[in-house]
Amino acid sequence: MPASNTWYIALAVIRDQYGRFLLVNEKKDRGWYLPAGRVDPHETLVDGAKRECVEESGIEVEPVYGPEELEAS
């Protein structure tokens, strides 16, 4: 990723063979959410999403679709 004041965020939507989605519970008990976080400067969006899944859920994943890059205006 290029160096700038822009943050890149990777979010992973993971679904198993039964159609269930992977959600992680915030440690401060703020609820359930999809694994996501800031992409490190040396990472791709895919690598960032994979790392966040491992960090937040302990589950290693491989992409089937994507990545999709969206920009907010």
N, C-alpha and C. Protein backbone atom coordinates (compact mmCIF):
# COMPACT_ATOMS: atom_id res chain seq x y z
N MET A 1 0.84 -1.18 0.00
CA MET A 1 0.00 0.00 0.00
C MET A 1 0.89 1.24 0.00
N PRO A 2 0.51 2.26 -0.76
CA PRO A 2 1.31 3.49 -0.77
C PRO A 2 1.19 4.24 0.56
N ALA A 3 2.29 4.91 0.93
CA ALA A 3 2.28 5.70 2.17
C ALA A 3 1.45 6.96 1.95
N SER A 4 0.53 7.22 2.84
CA SER A 4 -0.31 8.42 2.77
C SER A 4 -1.04 8.56 4.10
N ASN A 5 -1.90 9.55 4.17
CA ASN A 5 -2.73 9.74 5.35
C ASN A 5 -4.02 8.93 5.26
N THR A 6 -4.13 8.12 4.23
CA THR A 6 -5.31 7.30 4.02
C THR A 6 -5.15 5.98 4.75
N TRP A 7 -6.20 5.55 5.43
CA TRP A 7 -6.20 4.24 6.07
C TRP A 7 -6.96 3.28 5.16
N TYR A 8 -6.42 2.11 5.04
CA TYR A 8 -7.11 1.05 4.31
C TYR A 8 -7.62 0.06 5.33
N ILE A 9 -8.89 -0.33 5.19
CA ILE A 9 -9.53 -1.25 6.11
C ILE A 9 -9.92 -2.51 5.35
N ALA A 10 -9.56 -3.65 5.89
CA ALA A 10 -9.96 -4.93 5.31
C ALA A 10 -11.05 -5.53 6.18
N LEU A 11 -12.10 -5.99 5.54
CA LEU A 11 -13.22 -6.63 6.23
C LEU A 11 -13.45 -7.97 5.55
N ALA A 12 -13.63 -9.01 6.32
CA ALA A 12 -13.85 -10.35 5.76
C ALA A 12 -15.26 -10.83 6.06
N VAL A 13 -15.92 -11.31 5.03
CA VAL A 13 -17.22 -11.95 5.19
C VAL A 13 -16.98 -13.44 4.94
N ILE A 14 -17.06 -14.22 6.01
CA ILE A 14 -16.74 -15.65 5.95
C ILE A 14 -18.02 -16.43 6.22
N ARG A 15 -18.31 -17.38 5.31
CA ARG A 15 -19.50 -18.22 5.46
C ARG A 15 -19.08 -19.68 5.33
N ASP A 16 -19.59 -20.53 6.21
CA ASP A 16 -19.25 -21.95 6.13
C ASP A 16 -20.22 -22.70 5.22
N GLN A 17 -20.01 -24.01 5.10
CA GLN A 17 -20.81 -24.82 4.19
C GLN A 17 -22.27 -24.91 4.61
N TYR A 18 -22.59 -24.51 5.85
CA TYR A 18 -23.97 -24.53 6.34
C TYR A 18 -24.65 -23.16 6.21
N GLY A 19 -23.93 -22.18 5.65
CA GLY A 19 -24.50 -20.86 5.46
C GLY A 19 -24.35 -19.94 6.65
N ARG A 20 -23.61 -20.38 7.68
CA ARG A 20 -23.40 -19.55 8.86
C ARG A 20 -22.25 -18.58 8.62
N PHE A 21 -22.40 -17.36 9.14
CA PHE A 21 -21.38 -16.33 8.99
C PHE A 21 -20.49 -16.28 10.22
N LEU A 22 -19.20 -15.99 10.01
CA LEU A 22 -18.26 -15.84 11.11
C LEU A 22 -18.39 -14.44 11.69
N LEU A 23 -18.72 -14.38 12.97
CA LEU A 23 -18.77 -13.12 13.71
C LEU A 23 -17.85 -13.26 14.91
N VAL A 24 -17.25 -12.16 15.32
CA VAL A 24 -16.39 -12.18 16.50
C VAL A 24 -16.99 -11.25 17.55
N ASN A 25 -16.78 -11.60 18.81
CA ASN A 25 -17.35 -10.82 19.91
C ASN A 25 -16.30 -9.86 20.43
N GLU A 26 -16.65 -8.59 20.49
CA GLU A 26 -15.74 -7.55 21.01
C GLU A 26 -15.38 -7.87 22.46
N LYS A 27 -14.09 -7.76 22.79
CA LYS A 27 -13.63 -8.08 24.14
C LYS A 27 -14.31 -7.23 25.19
N LYS A 28 -14.65 -6.02 24.86
CA LYS A 28 -15.30 -5.12 25.82
C LYS A 28 -16.81 -5.31 25.83
N ASP A 29 -17.26 -6.44 25.26
CA ASP A 29 -18.67 -6.80 25.21
C ASP A 29 -19.51 -5.73 24.51
N ARG A 30 -19.00 -5.27 23.39
CA ARG A 30 -19.74 -4.28 22.59
C ARG A 30 -20.58 -4.93 21.50
N GLY A 31 -20.58 -6.23 21.46
CA GLY A 31 -21.41 -6.91 20.47
C GLY A 31 -20.59 -7.74 19.49
N TRP A 32 -21.27 -8.23 18.47
CA TRP A 32 -20.70 -9.11 17.47
C TRP A 32 -20.46 -8.34 16.18
N TYR A 33 -19.38 -8.69 15.48
CA TYR A 33 -19.08 -8.01 14.23
C TYR A 33 -18.25 -8.91 13.32
N LEU A 34 -18.15 -8.52 12.05
CA LEU A 34 -17.32 -9.22 11.08
C LEU A 34 -15.86 -8.92 11.37
N PRO A 35 -14.96 -9.88 11.14
CA PRO A 35 -13.54 -9.61 11.34
C PRO A 35 -13.08 -8.49 10.40
N ALA A 36 -12.43 -7.48 10.97
CA ALA A 36 -11.99 -6.34 10.17
C ALA A 36 -10.92 -5.57 10.92
N GLY A 37 -10.17 -4.76 10.19
CA GLY A 37 -9.18 -3.92 10.82
C GLY A 37 -8.32 -3.20 9.79
N ARG A 38 -7.45 -2.35 10.29
CA ARG A 38 -6.58 -1.56 9.44
C ARG A 38 -5.53 -2.44 8.78
N VAL A 39 -5.30 -2.19 7.49
CA VAL A 39 -4.28 -2.91 6.73
C VAL A 39 -2.93 -2.28 7.02
N ASP A 40 -1.94 -3.12 7.34
CA ASP A 40 -0.59 -2.63 7.58
C ASP A 40 0.02 -2.13 6.27
N PRO A 41 0.98 -1.20 6.34
CA PRO A 41 1.54 -0.59 5.11
C PRO A 41 2.13 -1.60 4.12
N HIS A 42 2.66 -2.71 4.59
CA HIS A 42 3.29 -3.69 3.70
C HIS A 42 2.31 -4.75 3.18
N GLU A 43 1.05 -4.72 3.60
CA GLU A 43 0.08 -5.76 3.27
C GLU A 43 -0.81 -5.39 2.09
N THR A 44 -1.31 -6.42 1.42
CA THR A 44 -2.39 -6.24 0.46
C THR A 44 -3.70 -6.28 1.24
N LEU A 45 -4.80 -5.93 0.58
CA LEU A 45 -6.11 -6.02 1.24
C LEU A 45 -6.42 -7.46 1.63
N VAL A 46 -6.09 -8.41 0.76
CA VAL A 46 -6.35 -9.82 1.06
C VAL A 46 -5.53 -10.27 2.26
N ASP A 47 -4.24 -9.92 2.28
CA ASP A 47 -3.39 -10.32 3.41
C ASP A 47 -3.89 -9.70 4.73
N GLY A 48 -4.34 -8.45 4.66
CA GLY A 48 -4.88 -7.80 5.85
C GLY A 48 -6.14 -8.48 6.36
N ALA A 49 -7.02 -8.86 5.44
CA ALA A 49 -8.26 -9.55 5.84
C ALA A 49 -7.95 -10.91 6.45
N LYS A 50 -7.02 -11.64 5.85
CA LYS A 50 -6.64 -12.95 6.38
C LYS A 50 -6.03 -12.81 7.77
N ARG A 51 -5.15 -11.83 7.96
CA ARG A 51 -4.52 -11.61 9.27
C ARG A 51 -5.56 -11.26 10.32
N GLU A 52 -6.50 -10.38 9.97
CA GLU A 52 -7.54 -9.99 10.92
C GLU A 52 -8.38 -11.20 11.34
N CYS A 53 -8.68 -12.10 10.41
CA CYS A 53 -9.45 -13.30 10.77
C CYS A 53 -8.70 -14.13 11.78
N VAL A 54 -7.40 -14.32 11.57
CA VAL A 54 -6.61 -15.11 12.52
C VAL A 54 -6.52 -14.40 13.86
N GLU A 55 -6.23 -13.10 13.84
CA GLU A 55 -6.09 -12.35 15.09
C GLU A 55 -7.37 -12.33 15.91
N GLU A 56 -8.50 -12.17 15.25
CA GLU A 56 -9.75 -11.97 15.97
C GLU A 56 -10.53 -13.25 16.24
N SER A 57 -10.30 -14.30 15.42
CA SER A 57 -11.08 -15.52 15.60
C SER A 57 -10.23 -16.77 15.76
N GLY A 58 -8.96 -16.70 15.38
CA GLY A 58 -8.11 -17.88 15.42
C GLY A 58 -8.30 -18.79 14.23
N ILE A 59 -9.08 -18.36 13.24
CA ILE A 59 -9.38 -19.18 12.08
C ILE A 59 -8.61 -18.66 10.87
N GLU A 60 -7.87 -19.57 10.20
CA GLU A 60 -7.18 -19.21 8.97
C GLU A 60 -8.13 -19.38 7.80
N VAL A 61 -8.16 -18.40 6.91
CA VAL A 61 -9.09 -18.42 5.78
C VAL A 61 -8.33 -18.17 4.48
N GLU A 62 -8.93 -18.58 3.38
CA GLU A 62 -8.44 -18.29 2.04
C GLU A 62 -9.58 -17.68 1.25
N PRO A 63 -9.29 -16.63 0.48
CA PRO A 63 -10.37 -15.98 -0.27
C PRO A 63 -10.92 -16.86 -1.39
N VAL A 64 -12.23 -16.77 -1.58
CA VAL A 64 -12.89 -17.43 -2.69
C VAL A 64 -13.31 -16.38 -3.71
N TYR A 65 -13.80 -15.26 -3.24
CA TYR A 65 -14.18 -14.13 -4.08
C TYR A 65 -13.44 -12.90 -3.59
N GLY A 66 -13.18 -11.97 -4.48
CA GLY A 66 -12.61 -10.70 -4.06
C GLY A 66 -11.14 -10.60 -4.39
N PRO A 67 -10.49 -9.59 -3.90
CA PRO A 67 -11.07 -8.58 -3.00
C PRO A 67 -11.87 -7.54 -3.77
N GLU A 68 -12.75 -6.90 -3.07
CA GLU A 68 -13.49 -5.77 -3.60
C GLU A 68 -12.96 -4.52 -2.93
N GLU A 69 -12.71 -3.51 -3.70
CA GLU A 69 -12.21 -2.26 -3.14
C GLU A 69 -13.28 -1.20 -3.38
N LEU A 70 -13.73 -0.58 -2.30
CA LEU A 70 -14.75 0.44 -2.36
C LEU A 70 -14.19 1.73 -1.79
N GLU A 71 -14.63 2.83 -2.30
CA GLU A 71 -14.15 4.12 -1.80
C GLU A 71 -15.33 4.97 -1.39
N ALA A 72 -15.25 5.53 -0.20
CA ALA A 72 -16.32 6.42 0.28
C ALA A 72 -16.06 7.83 -0.25
N SER A 73 -17.11 8.52 -0.55
CA SER A 73 -16.94 9.90 -1.05
C SER A 73 -17.24 10.90 0.05
